[in-house]
Amino acid sequence: MAAVFLVTLYEYSPLFYIAVVFTCFIVTTGLVLGWFGWDVPVILRNSEETQFKTRVFKKQMRQVKNPFGLEIANPSSASISTGITLTTDCLEDSLLTCYWGCSVQKLYEALQKHVYCFRISTPQTLEDALYSEYLHREQYFIKKDSKEEIYCQLPKDTNIEDFGTVPRSRYPLVALLTLADEDDREIYDIISMVSAIHIPDKTYKLSCRILCQYLLPTQGQFHDLKQLYMSANNNAIPSSSSSPEGESTDRSLLEKAGLSESEAEPPEESSKDCVVCQNGTVNWVLLPCRHTCLCDGCVRYFQRCPMCRQFVQESFALHSQKEQEKDKLKTL
């Protein structure tokens, strides 16, 4: 009887049909929202919307003060026979210890000992970790904020003209910067800095440069100090004053040594503003390419670096919003 009643009601009442359809729509909508939540399913989204909504992880950075600074003065004139001039810039009185012909393997074993065994805070601790696997040692006292130029040269009585073919078992020069005063080591998080320096010789004529720098904090770690490629800084790119022949020779030598990826960077424009909007201040560093070219407003829209088109895995800000507000107030 109930079925006959419903059929009769359907034939003579279109409103009943409309009510049934509307009820089914409400039930289906409720099930869909209950399953997916308020987020629209990925298959129903616009492709452009998914591109902008893709999340790039932002690293939480902790600011520390590095009391050490080391650069090469006149790298074009440096060689094994003529020596090298180093420029230091330290915030406190420090010791510069240079190790000529330091073993590559022993150096990295020493860095591991800093992590797991003891802290490398003095030249003696590094020498103990190296097991004296170096050819010659020099030490200089550096006064704070002096920006001294230190001339280092391998003694002629060693009769060393080169360190062999690539790959080498020894670095031409390893420079260690440590704090001279023991009380200063409790103030700074960074207690020493190790720099591996290449110096050209008869066998390997790649121009003089710092191959790598490691910061050694008190917590028992070591961090590889990398250069940021900023669009507002011409120092982050190779100098344009060198000849094309010299650049091509250096690049071929870098490729043999496996260093071309980090050293040979394409020229970048000199601008203080974001490379996209040309209005905001550059503030974000993109990883792993280390290009610093985006402002706070544009960084959210990019999965790839606008400079090199490499995928962005992580990013971090150079300045927080509070620091930027303080800078604006100072300018006003």
C-alpha atoms as a PDB file:
ATOM      1  CA  MET A   1       0.000   0.000   0.000  1.00  0.00           C
ATOM      2  CA  ALA A   2       2.840   2.384   0.867  1.00  0.00           C
ATOM      3  CA  ALA A   3       4.485   1.835  -2.527  1.00  0.00           C
ATOM      4  CA  VAL A   4       1.221   2.435  -4.366  1.00  0.00           C
ATOM      5  CA  PHE A   5       0.732   5.607  -2.325  1.00  0.00           C
ATOM      6  CA  LEU A   6       4.195   6.944  -3.195  1.00  0.00           C
ATOM      7  CA  VAL A   7       3.752   6.195  -6.899  1.00  0.00           C
ATOM      8  CA  THR A   8       0.369   7.915  -6.941  1.00  0.00           C
ATOM      9  CA  LEU A   9       1.869  10.901  -5.060  1.00  0.00           C
ATOM     10  CA  TYR A  10       4.739  11.104  -7.552  1.00  0.00           C
ATOM     11  CA  GLU A  11       2.367  11.137 -10.548  1.00  0.00           C
ATOM     12  CA  TYR A  12       0.199  13.928  -9.203  1.00  0.00           C
ATOM     13  CA  SER A  13       2.782  15.991  -7.227  1.00  0.00           C
ATOM     14  CA  PRO A  14       5.977  17.293  -8.963  1.00  0.00           C
ATOM     15  CA  LEU A  15       6.830  19.097  -5.741  1.00  0.00           C
ATOM     16  CA  PHE A  16       7.529  15.732  -4.143  1.00  0.00           C
ATOM     17  CA  TYR A  17      10.052  14.951  -6.880  1.00  0.00           C
ATOM     18  CA  ILE A  18      11.780  18.281  -6.367  1.00  0.00           C
ATOM     19  CA  ALA A  19      11.944  17.720  -2.606  1.00  0.00           C
ATOM     20  CA  VAL A  20      13.534  14.281  -3.066  1.00  0.00           C
ATOM     21  CA  VAL A  21      16.219  15.644  -5.422  1.00  0.00           C
ATOM     22  CA  PHE A  22      16.953  18.552  -3.073  1.00  0.00           C
ATOM     23  CA  THR A  23      17.264  16.172  -0.115  1.00  0.00           C
ATOM     24  CA  CYS A  24      19.707  13.950  -2.020  1.00  0.00           C
ATOM     25  CA  PHE A  25      21.790  17.028  -2.921  1.00  0.00           C
ATOM     26  CA  ILE A  26      21.949  18.145   0.724  1.00  0.00           C
ATOM     27  CA  VAL A  27      22.987  14.658   1.889  1.00  0.00           C
ATOM     28  CA  THR A  28      25.665  14.345  -0.801  1.00  0.00           C
ATOM     29  CA  THR A  29      27.072  17.810  -0.015  1.00  0.00           C
ATOM     30  CA  GLY A  30      27.260  16.938   3.665  1.00  0.00           C
ATOM     31  CA  LEU A  31      29.155  13.715   2.934  1.00  0.00           C
ATOM     32  CA  VAL A  32      31.652  15.499   0.672  1.00  0.00           C
ATOM     33  CA  LEU A  33      32.349  18.265   3.201  1.00  0.00           C
ATOM     34  CA  GLY A  34      32.606  15.743   5.989  1.00  0.00           C
ATOM     35  CA  TRP A  35      35.196  13.748   4.057  1.00  0.00           C
ATOM     36  CA  PHE A  36      37.386  16.551   2.681  1.00  0.00           C
ATOM     37  CA  GLY A  37      36.687  19.282   5.207  1.00  0.00           C
ATOM     38  CA  TRP A  38      36.381  22.815   3.896  1.00  0.00           C
ATOM     39  CA  ASP A  39      39.402  22.358   1.593  1.00  0.00           C
ATOM     40  CA  VAL A  40      38.472  21.747  -2.010  1.00  0.00           C
ATOM     41  CA  PRO A  41      39.812  18.404  -3.329  1.00  0.00           C
ATOM     42  CA  VAL A  42      43.023  18.664  -5.376  1.00  0.00           C
ATOM     43  CA  ILE A  43      41.334  17.250  -8.502  1.00  0.00           C
ATOM     44  CA  LEU A  44      38.844  20.155  -8.481  1.00  0.00           C
ATOM     45  CA  ARG A  45      41.400  22.944  -8.039  1.00  0.00           C
ATOM     46  CA  ASN A  46      42.783  25.181 -10.724  1.00  0.00           C
ATOM     47  CA  SER A  47      46.371  24.349 -11.769  1.00  0.00           C
ATOM     48  CA  GLU A  48      47.513  27.920 -11.113  1.00  0.00           C
ATOM     49  CA  GLU A  49      45.991  27.808  -7.637  1.00  0.00           C
ATOM     50  CA  THR A  50      47.890  24.620  -6.760  1.00  0.00           C
ATOM     51  CA  GLN A  51      51.110  26.206  -7.977  1.00  0.00           C
ATOM     52  CA  PHE A  52      50.759  29.192  -5.637  1.00  0.00           C
ATOM     53  CA  LYS A  53      49.478  27.133  -2.716  1.00  0.00           C
ATOM     54  CA  THR A  54      52.471  24.764  -2.728  1.00  0.00           C
ATOM     55  CA  ARG A  55      54.292  25.135   0.550  1.00  0.00           C
ATOM     56  CA  VAL A  56      58.021  25.865   0.749  1.00  0.00           C
ATOM     57  CA  PHE A  57      59.484  25.096   4.159  1.00  0.00           C
ATOM     58  CA  LYS A  58      60.969  28.045   6.011  1.00  0.00           C
ATOM     59  CA  LYS A  59      63.983  27.386   8.192  1.00  0.00           C
ATOM     60  CA  GLN A  60      64.111  28.754  11.706  1.00  0.00           C
ATOM     61  CA  MET A  61      67.442  30.538  11.915  1.00  0.00           C
ATOM     62  CA  ARG A  62      69.402  31.541  14.999  1.00  0.00           C
ATOM     63  CA  GLN A  63      71.662  34.570  14.733  1.00  0.00           C
ATOM     64  CA  VAL A  64      75.196  34.189  16.095  1.00  0.00           C
ATOM     65  CA  LYS A  65      78.154  36.554  16.013  1.00  0.00           C
ATOM     66  CA  ASN A  66      81.276  35.345  14.225  1.00  0.00           C
ATOM     67  CA  PRO A  67      84.359  37.056  15.707  1.00  0.00           C
ATOM     68  CA  PHE A  68      86.638  35.947  12.850  1.00  0.00           C
ATOM     69  CA  GLY A  69      87.214  37.263   9.355  1.00  0.00           C
ATOM     70  CA  LEU A  70      89.793  36.078   6.830  1.00  0.00           C
ATOM     71  CA  GLU A  71      90.373  37.070   3.201  1.00  0.00           C
ATOM     72  CA  ILE A  72      93.148  36.735   0.638  1.00  0.00           C
ATOM     73  CA  ALA A  73      94.870  39.978  -0.351  1.00  0.00           C
ATOM     74  CA  ASN A  74      96.007  40.060  -4.007  1.00  0.00           C
ATOM     75  CA  PRO A  75      95.192  36.422  -4.837  1.00  0.00           C
ATOM     76  CA  SER A  76      96.618  36.802  -8.355  1.00  0.00           C
ATOM     77  CA  SER A  77     100.152  37.259  -6.970  1.00  0.00           C
ATOM     78  CA  ALA A  78     100.046  34.306  -4.548  1.00  0.00           C
ATOM     79  CA  SER A  79     102.005  31.126  -5.250  1.00  0.00           C
ATOM     80  CA  ILE A  80     103.932  28.430  -3.418  1.00  0.00           C
ATOM     81  CA  SER A  81     107.251  30.087  -4.243  1.00  0.00           C
ATOM     82  CA  THR A  82     106.298  33.714  -3.501  1.00  0.00           C
ATOM     83  CA  GLY A  83     103.914  33.098  -0.588  1.00  0.00           C
ATOM     84  CA  ILE A  84     100.484  34.527   0.205  1.00  0.00           C
ATOM     85  CA  THR A  85      99.133  37.605   1.988  1.00  0.00           C
ATOM     86  CA  LEU A  86      96.123  37.131   4.285  1.00  0.00           C
ATOM     87  CA  THR A  87      93.904  39.921   5.592  1.00  0.00           C
ATOM     88  CA  THR A  88      92.301  39.358   8.990  1.00  0.00           C
ATOM     89  CA  ASP A  89      89.417  41.196  10.618  1.00  0.00           C
ATOM     90  CA  CYS A  90      88.695  39.947  14.144  1.00  0.00           C
ATOM     91  CA  LEU A  91      86.451  41.376  16.832  1.00  0.00           C
ATOM     92  CA  GLU A  92      88.818  40.253  19.603  1.00  0.00           C
ATOM     93  CA  ASP A  93      92.526  39.549  19.995  1.00  0.00           C
ATOM     94  CA  SER A  94      93.156  36.322  18.114  1.00  0.00           C
ATOM     95  CA  LEU A  95      95.812  33.881  16.967  1.00  0.00           C
ATOM     96  CA  LEU A  96      96.336  33.040  13.303  1.00  0.00           C
ATOM     97  CA  THR A  97      98.053  29.681  12.878  1.00  0.00           C
ATOM     98  CA  CYS A  98      99.000  28.568   9.351  1.00  0.00           C
ATOM     99  CA  TYR A  99      99.674  24.926   8.511  1.00  0.00           C
ATOM    100  CA  TRP A 100     101.425  24.316   5.193  1.00  0.00           C
ATOM    101  CA  GLY A 101     100.808  20.982   3.489  1.00  0.00           C
ATOM    102  CA  CYS A 102      98.126  19.847   5.940  1.00  0.00           C
ATOM    103  CA  SER A 103      96.708  16.357   5.388  1.00  0.00           C
ATOM    104  CA  VAL A 104      93.160  16.462   3.989  1.00  0.00           C
ATOM    105  CA  GLN A 105      92.120  13.250   5.742  1.00  0.00           C
ATOM    106  CA  LYS A 106      93.545  14.272   9.108  1.00  0.00           C
ATOM    107  CA  LEU A 107      91.873  17.686   8.903  1.00  0.00           C
ATOM    108  CA  TYR A 108      88.399  16.192   8.494  1.00  0.00           C
ATOM    109  CA  GLU A 109      89.124  13.646  11.190  1.00  0.00           C
ATOM    110  CA  ALA A 110      90.012  16.594  13.440  1.00  0.00           C
ATOM    111  CA  LEU A 111      86.670  18.245  12.660  1.00  0.00           C
ATOM    112  CA  GLN A 112      84.899  15.036  13.658  1.00  0.00           C
ATOM    113  CA  LYS A 113      86.865  14.980  16.901  1.00  0.00           C
ATOM    114  CA  HIS A 114      85.601  18.480  17.615  1.00  0.00           C
ATOM    115  CA  VAL A 115      82.078  17.054  17.445  1.00  0.00           C
ATOM    116  CA  TYR A 116      82.540  13.809  19.381  1.00  0.00           C
ATOM    117  CA  CYS A 117      85.698  14.107  21.485  1.00  0.00           C
ATOM    118  CA  PHE A 118      87.041  17.525  22.452  1.00  0.00           C
ATOM    119  CA  ARG A 119      86.624  21.142  21.397  1.00  0.00           C
ATOM    120  CA  ILE A 120      89.181  22.685  19.046  1.00  0.00           C
ATOM    121  CA  SER A 121      89.570  26.070  20.746  1.00  0.00           C
ATOM    122  CA  THR A 122      93.381  26.451  20.608  1.00  0.00           C
ATOM    123  CA  PRO A 123      96.093  25.688  18.028  1.00  0.00           C
ATOM    124  CA  GLN A 124      97.450  22.950  20.278  1.00  0.00           C
ATOM    125  CA  THR A 125      94.174  21.019  20.283  1.00  0.00           C
ATOM    126  CA  LEU A 126      94.077  21.098  16.480  1.00  0.00           C
ATOM    127  CA  GLU A 127      97.675  19.930  16.255  1.00  0.00           C
ATOM    128  CA  ASP A 128      96.900  17.055  18.602  1.00  0.00           C
ATOM    129  CA  ALA A 129      93.950  16.083  16.403  1.00  0.00           C
ATOM    130  CA  LEU A 130      96.092  16.332  13.240  1.00  0.00           C
ATOM    131  CA  TYR A 131      98.854  14.145  14.725  1.00  0.00           C
ATOM    132  CA  SER A 132     101.315  16.707  13.269  1.00  0.00           C
ATOM    133  CA  GLU A 133     100.361  15.742   9.702  1.00  0.00           C
ATOM    134  CA  TYR A 134     101.586  19.015   8.203  1.00  0.00           C
ATOM    135  CA  LEU A 135     104.874  20.238   6.739  1.00  0.00           C
ATOM    136  CA  HIS A 136     105.369  23.650   8.330  1.00  0.00           C
ATOM    137  CA  ARG A 137     103.665  25.804  10.970  1.00  0.00           C
ATOM    138  CA  GLU A 138     103.508  29.604  11.403  1.00  0.00           C
ATOM    139  CA  GLN A 139     101.700  31.614  14.059  1.00  0.00           C
ATOM    140  CA  TYR A 140     100.801  35.314  14.307  1.00  0.00           C
ATOM    141  CA  PHE A 141      99.094  37.447  16.934  1.00  0.00           C
ATOM    142  CA  ILE A 142      96.151  39.473  15.579  1.00  0.00           C
ATOM    143  CA  LYS A 143      94.924  42.563  17.381  1.00  0.00           C
ATOM    144  CA  LYS A 144      91.199  43.262  17.495  1.00  0.00           C
ATOM    145  CA  ASP A 145      89.739  45.398  14.687  1.00  0.00           C
ATOM    146  CA  SER A 146      93.193  45.870  13.170  1.00  0.00           C
ATOM    147  CA  LYS A 147      92.574  44.421   9.671  1.00  0.00           C
ATOM    148  CA  GLU A 148      96.207  43.429   9.435  1.00  0.00           C
ATOM    149  CA  GLU A 149      97.863  41.956   6.360  1.00  0.00           C
ATOM    150  CA  ILE A 150      99.873  38.872   7.252  1.00  0.00           C
ATOM    151  CA  TYR A 151     102.471  37.593   4.813  1.00  0.00           C
ATOM    152  CA  CYS A 152     102.985  33.816   4.912  1.00  0.00           C
ATOM    153  CA  GLN A 153     105.570  31.876   2.978  1.00  0.00           C
ATOM    154  CA  LEU A 154     106.778  28.304   2.959  1.00  0.00           C
ATOM    155  CA  PRO A 155     110.474  28.183   3.932  1.00  0.00           C
ATOM    156  CA  LYS A 156     112.817  27.569   1.000  1.00  0.00           C
ATOM    157  CA  ASP A 157     114.711  24.860   2.855  1.00  0.00           C
ATOM    158  CA  THR A 158     111.652  22.602   2.561  1.00  0.00           C
ATOM    159  CA  ASN A 159     112.331  22.346  -1.211  1.00  0.00           C
ATOM    160  CA  ILE A 160     108.615  21.970  -1.984  1.00  0.00           C
ATOM    161  CA  GLU A 161     107.545  23.219  -5.415  1.00  0.00           C
ATOM    162  CA  ASP A 162     104.119  21.555  -5.668  1.00  0.00           C
ATOM    163  CA  PHE A 163     101.764  19.212  -3.801  1.00  0.00           C
ATOM    164  CA  GLY A 164     101.256  16.650  -6.574  1.00  0.00           C
ATOM    165  CA  THR A 165      98.467  16.068  -9.066  1.00  0.00           C
ATOM    166  CA  VAL A 166      94.722  16.177  -8.447  1.00  0.00           C
ATOM    167  CA  PRO A 167      93.210  14.672  -6.333  1.00  0.00           C
ATOM    168  CA  ARG A 168      95.659  15.743  -3.657  1.00  0.00           C
ATOM    169  CA  SER A 169      96.183  14.310  -0.209  1.00  0.00           C
ATOM    170  CA  ARG A 170      97.278  17.656   1.278  1.00  0.00           C
ATOM    171  CA  TYR A 171      95.898  21.169   1.315  1.00  0.00           C
ATOM    172  CA  PRO A 172      98.539  23.772   0.374  1.00  0.00           C
ATOM    173  CA  LEU A 173      97.549  25.904   3.360  1.00  0.00           C
ATOM    174  CA  VAL A 174      95.138  25.572   6.293  1.00  0.00           C
ATOM    175  CA  ALA A 175      94.574  28.705   8.395  1.00  0.00           C
ATOM    176  CA  LEU A 176      93.198  28.445  11.930  1.00  0.00           C
ATOM    177  CA  LEU A 177      91.811  31.486  13.749  1.00  0.00           C
ATOM    178  CA  THR A 178      91.272  31.153  17.509  1.00  0.00           C
ATOM    179  CA  LEU A 179      90.559  33.590  20.333  1.00  0.00           C
ATOM    180  CA  ALA A 180      93.709  34.576  22.204  1.00  0.00           C
ATOM    181  CA  ASP A 181      91.995  35.349  25.518  1.00  0.00           C
ATOM    182  CA  GLU A 182      90.386  32.404  27.281  1.00  0.00           C
ATOM    183  CA  ASP A 183      87.653  34.621  28.750  1.00  0.00           C
ATOM    184  CA  ASP A 184      86.491  35.613  25.250  1.00  0.00           C
ATOM    185  CA  ARG A 185      85.665  31.975  24.477  1.00  0.00           C
ATOM    186  CA  GLU A 186      82.815  32.135  26.960  1.00  0.00           C
ATOM    187  CA  ILE A 187      81.308  35.203  25.258  1.00  0.00           C
ATOM    188  CA  TYR A 188      81.076  33.963  21.668  1.00  0.00           C
ATOM    189  CA  ASP A 189      79.329  30.903  20.315  1.00  0.00           C
ATOM    190  CA  ILE A 190      82.040  30.549  17.639  1.00  0.00           C
ATOM    191  CA  ILE A 191      85.396  29.658  19.197  1.00  0.00           C
ATOM    192  CA  SER A 192      87.489  28.981  16.067  1.00  0.00           C
ATOM    193  CA  MET A 193      87.438  29.064  12.276  1.00  0.00           C
ATOM    194  CA  VAL A 194      89.279  26.723   9.913  1.00  0.00           C
ATOM    195  CA  SER A 195      89.998  27.792   6.316  1.00  0.00           C
ATOM    196  CA  ALA A 196      91.431  25.538   3.603  1.00  0.00           C
ATOM    197  CA  ILE A 197      93.236  27.627   0.970  1.00  0.00           C
ATOM    198  CA  HIS A 198      94.427  26.656  -2.486  1.00  0.00           C
ATOM    199  CA  ILE A 199      97.701  28.236  -3.660  1.00  0.00           C
ATOM    200  CA  PRO A 200      98.839  27.704  -7.265  1.00  0.00           C
ATOM    201  CA  ASP A 201     102.074  25.849  -7.989  1.00  0.00           C
ATOM    202  CA  LYS A 202     103.849  24.353 -11.003  1.00  0.00           C
ATOM    203  CA  THR A 203     101.522  21.345 -11.215  1.00  0.00           C
ATOM    204  CA  TYR A 204      98.138  22.914 -10.473  1.00  0.00           C
ATOM    205  CA  LYS A 205      97.822  26.534 -11.620  1.00  0.00           C
ATOM    206  CA  LEU A 206      94.272  27.261 -10.507  1.00  0.00           C
ATOM    207  CA  SER A 207      94.153  30.796  -9.112  1.00  0.00           C
ATOM    208  CA  CYS A 208      94.470  31.276  -5.364  1.00  0.00           C
ATOM    209  CA  ARG A 209      91.198  31.029  -3.434  1.00  0.00           C
ATOM    210  CA  ILE A 210      89.577  29.833  -0.223  1.00  0.00           C
ATOM    211  CA  LEU A 211      88.241  26.346  -0.896  1.00  0.00           C
ATOM    212  CA  CYS A 212      86.161  26.007   2.269  1.00  0.00           C
ATOM    213  CA  GLN A 213      85.691  27.607   5.668  1.00  0.00           C
ATOM    214  CA  TYR A 214      84.343  25.907   8.786  1.00  0.00           C
ATOM    215  CA  LEU A 215      82.992  27.636  11.878  1.00  0.00           C
ATOM    216  CA  LEU A 216      83.463  25.654  15.087  1.00  0.00           C
ATOM    217  CA  PRO A 217      80.954  26.554  17.846  1.00  0.00           C
ATOM    218  CA  THR A 218      81.156  25.625  21.513  1.00  0.00           C
ATOM    219  CA  GLN A 219      78.250  23.158  21.157  1.00  0.00           C
ATOM    220  CA  GLY A 220      80.481  20.622  19.412  1.00  0.00           C
ATOM    221  CA  GLN A 221      79.483  21.059  15.784  1.00  0.00           C
ATOM    222  CA  PHE A 222      81.076  22.520  12.671  1.00  0.00           C
ATOM    223  CA  HIS A 223      79.311  24.539  10.019  1.00  0.00           C
ATOM    224  CA  ASP A 224      80.407  25.027   6.428  1.00  0.00           C
ATOM    225  CA  LEU A 225      80.484  28.766   5.789  1.00  0.00           C
ATOM    226  CA  LYS A 226      78.871  29.437   2.387  1.00  0.00           C
ATOM    227  CA  GLN A 227      78.669  32.613   0.356  1.00  0.00           C
ATOM    228  CA  LEU A 228      75.271  34.074  -0.477  1.00  0.00           C
ATOM    229  CA  TYR A 229      74.683  35.188  -4.059  1.00  0.00           C
ATOM    230  CA  MET A 230      72.960  38.541  -3.577  1.00  0.00           C
ATOM    231  CA  SER A 231      71.639  40.603  -6.446  1.00  0.00           C
ATOM    232  CA  ALA A 232      72.699  43.736  -4.561  1.00  0.00           C
ATOM    233  CA  ASN A 233      76.324  42.676  -4.089  1.00  0.00           C
ATOM    234  CA  ASN A 234      78.804  42.390  -6.918  1.00  0.00           C
ATOM    235  CA  ASN A 235      81.298  40.711  -4.585  1.00  0.00           C
ATOM    236  CA  ALA A 236      79.254  37.543  -4.673  1.00  0.00           C
ATOM    237  CA  ILE A 237      80.185  36.887  -8.291  1.00  0.00           C
ATOM    238  CA  PRO A 238      83.546  36.422 -10.046  1.00  0.00           C
ATOM    239  CA  SER A 239      85.332  39.639 -10.917  1.00  0.00           C
ATOM    240  CA  SER A 240      84.757  40.882 -14.458  1.00  0.00           C
ATOM    241  CA  SER A 241      88.224  42.432 -14.689  1.00  0.00           C
ATOM    242  CA  SER A 242      89.956  39.108 -15.368  1.00  0.00           C
ATOM    243  CA  SER A 243      90.602  38.081 -18.952  1.00  0.00           C
ATOM    244  CA  PRO A 244      88.303  35.582 -20.756  1.00  0.00           C
ATOM    245  CA  GLU A 245      91.245  33.229 -21.302  1.00  0.00           C
ATOM    246  CA  GLY A 246      92.024  33.177 -17.583  1.00  0.00           C
ATOM    247  CA  GLU A 247      88.356  32.584 -16.720  1.00  0.00           C
ATOM    248  CA  SER A 248      88.097  29.643 -19.143  1.00  0.00           C
ATOM    249  CA  THR A 249      91.314  28.145 -17.759  1.00  0.00           C
ATOM    250  CA  ASP A 250      90.074  28.492 -14.184  1.00  0.00           C
ATOM    251  CA  ARG A 251      86.725  26.961 -15.088  1.00  0.00           C
ATOM    252  CA  SER A 252      88.333  23.918 -16.724  1.00  0.00           C
ATOM    253  CA  LEU A 253      90.564  23.417 -13.699  1.00  0.00           C
ATOM    254  CA  LEU A 254      87.574  23.775 -11.396  1.00  0.00           C
ATOM    255  CA  GLU A 255      85.697  21.108 -13.330  1.00  0.00           C
ATOM    256  CA  LYS A 256      88.624  18.719 -12.905  1.00  0.00           C
ATOM    257  CA  ALA A 257      88.658  19.362  -9.168  1.00  0.00           C
ATOM    258  CA  GLY A 258      84.863  19.094  -8.873  1.00  0.00           C
ATOM    259  CA  LEU A 259      84.440  22.684  -7.675  1.00  0.00           C
ATOM    260  CA  SER A 260      82.743  24.246 -10.681  1.00  0.00           C
ATOM    261  CA  GLU A 261      79.251  24.067  -9.211  1.00  0.00           C
ATOM    262  CA  SER A 262      79.954  26.313  -6.235  1.00  0.00           C
ATOM    263  CA  GLU A 263      82.476  28.676  -7.816  1.00  0.00           C
ATOM    264  CA  ALA A 264      81.375  29.315 -11.390  1.00  0.00           C
ATOM    265  CA  GLU A 265      78.201  31.369 -11.046  1.00  0.00           C
ATOM    266  CA  PRO A 266      76.558  33.338 -13.844  1.00  0.00           C
ATOM    267  CA  PRO A 267      76.692  37.140 -13.646  1.00  0.00           C
ATOM    268  CA  GLU A 268      73.937  38.754 -11.659  1.00  0.00           C
ATOM    269  CA  GLU A 269      72.384  42.204 -11.841  1.00  0.00           C
ATOM    270  CA  SER A 270      73.310  44.844  -9.303  1.00  0.00           C
ATOM    271  CA  SER A 271      70.106  45.911  -7.592  1.00  0.00           C
ATOM    272  CA  LYS A 272      68.978  46.514  -4.036  1.00  0.00           C
ATOM    273  CA  ASP A 273      65.374  45.607  -4.832  1.00  0.00           C
ATOM    274  CA  CYS A 274      63.519  42.364  -5.404  1.00  0.00           C
ATOM    275  CA  VAL A 275      64.256  40.945  -8.872  1.00  0.00           C
ATOM    276  CA  VAL A 276      60.532  40.238  -9.424  1.00  0.00           C
ATOM    277  CA  CYS A 277      58.577  43.302  -8.290  1.00  0.00           C
ATOM    278  CA  GLN A 278      61.544  45.739  -8.299  1.00  0.00           C
ATOM    279  CA  ASN A 279      59.975  47.420  -5.281  1.00  0.00           C
ATOM    280  CA  GLY A 280      60.441  45.394  -2.084  1.00  0.00           C
ATOM    281  CA  THR A 281      63.769  45.008  -0.298  1.00  0.00           C
ATOM    282  CA  VAL A 282      65.593  41.723  -0.855  1.00  0.00           C
ATOM    283  CA  ASN A 283      65.269  39.661   2.318  1.00  0.00           C
ATOM    284  CA  TRP A 284      64.921  35.927   1.547  1.00  0.00           C
ATOM    285  CA  VAL A 285      67.625  33.332   0.892  1.00  0.00           C
ATOM    286  CA  LEU A 286      66.572  30.375  -1.254  1.00  0.00           C
ATOM    287  CA  LEU A 287      68.104  26.953  -0.643  1.00  0.00           C
ATOM    288  CA  PRO A 288      69.967  25.037  -1.921  1.00  0.00           C
ATOM    289  CA  CYS A 289      71.047  27.564  -4.608  1.00  0.00           C
ATOM    290  CA  ARG A 290      71.708  30.344  -2.001  1.00  0.00           C
ATOM    291  CA  HIS A 291      70.342  33.113  -4.246  1.00  0.00           C
ATOM    292  CA  THR A 292      69.116  36.125  -2.254  1.00  0.00           C
ATOM    293  CA  CYS A 293      66.767  37.872  -4.627  1.00  0.00           C
ATOM    294  CA  LEU A 294      63.181  37.972  -3.292  1.00  0.00           C
ATOM    295  CA  CYS A 295      61.275  40.259  -0.949  1.00  0.00           C
ATOM    296  CA  ASP A 296      58.738  39.289   1.724  1.00  0.00           C
ATOM    297  CA  GLY A 297      55.803  39.747  -0.644  1.00  0.00           C
ATOM    298  CA  CYS A 298      57.091  37.724  -3.601  1.00  0.00           C
ATOM    299  CA  VAL A 299      58.717  34.746  -1.852  1.00  0.00           C
ATOM    300  CA  ARG A 300      55.373  32.983  -1.292  1.00  0.00           C
ATOM    301  CA  TYR A 301      54.685  32.654  -5.028  1.00  0.00           C
ATOM    302  CA  PHE A 302      57.825  30.784  -6.111  1.00  0.00           C
ATOM    303  CA  GLN A 303      58.615  27.088  -6.139  1.00  0.00           C
ATOM    304  CA  ARG A 304      61.677  27.730  -8.317  1.00  0.00           C
ATOM    305  CA  CYS A 305      64.404  30.291  -7.911  1.00  0.00           C
ATOM    306  CA  PRO A 306      63.775  33.165 -10.367  1.00  0.00           C
ATOM    307  CA  MET A 307      67.537  33.480 -10.963  1.00  0.00           C
ATOM    308  CA  CYS A 308      68.604  29.889 -11.739  1.00  0.00           C
ATOM    309  CA  ARG A 309      65.216  28.051 -11.979  1.00  0.00           C
ATOM    310  CA  GLN A 310      66.295  25.470  -9.387  1.00  0.00           C
ATOM    311  CA  PHE A 311      63.572  24.059  -7.119  1.00  0.00           C
ATOM    312  CA  VAL A 312      63.402  25.771  -3.728  1.00  0.00           C
ATOM    313  CA  GLN A 313      63.582  23.228  -0.913  1.00  0.00           C
ATOM    314  CA  GLU A 314      63.883  25.670   1.988  1.00  0.00           C
ATOM    315  CA  SER A 315      64.214  29.395   2.587  1.00  0.00           C
ATOM    316  CA  PHE A 316      65.049  31.739   5.429  1.00  0.00           C
ATOM    317  CA  ALA A 317      64.856  35.475   6.064  1.00  0.00           C
ATOM    318  CA  LEU A 318      67.906  37.650   6.561  1.00  0.00           C
ATOM    319  CA  HIS A 319      66.014  40.085   8.794  1.00  0.00           C
ATOM    320  CA  SER A 320      62.929  39.603  10.920  1.00  0.00           C
ATOM    321  CA  GLN A 321      59.965  41.961  10.723  1.00  0.00           C
ATOM    322  CA  LYS A 322      61.005  43.625  13.984  1.00  0.00           C
ATOM    323  CA  GLU A 323      64.480  44.359  12.616  1.00  0.00           C
ATOM    324  CA  GLN A 324      63.017  45.776   9.421  1.00  0.00           C
ATOM    325  CA  GLU A 325      60.699  48.062  11.397  1.00  0.00           C
ATOM    326  CA  LYS A 326      63.656  49.301  13.452  1.00  0.00           C
ATOM    327  CA  ASP A 327      65.618  50.054  10.277  1.00  0.00           C
ATOM    328  CA  LYS A 328      62.674  52.016   8.859  1.00  0.00           C
ATOM    329  CA  LEU A 329      62.414  54.054  12.053  1.00  0.00           C
ATOM    330  CA  LYS A 330      66.136  54.835  11.916  1.00  0.00           C
ATOM    331  CA  THR A 331      65.872  56.032   8.329  1.00  0.00           C
ATOM    332  CA  LEU A 332      62.957  58.274   9.257  1.00  0.00           C
END
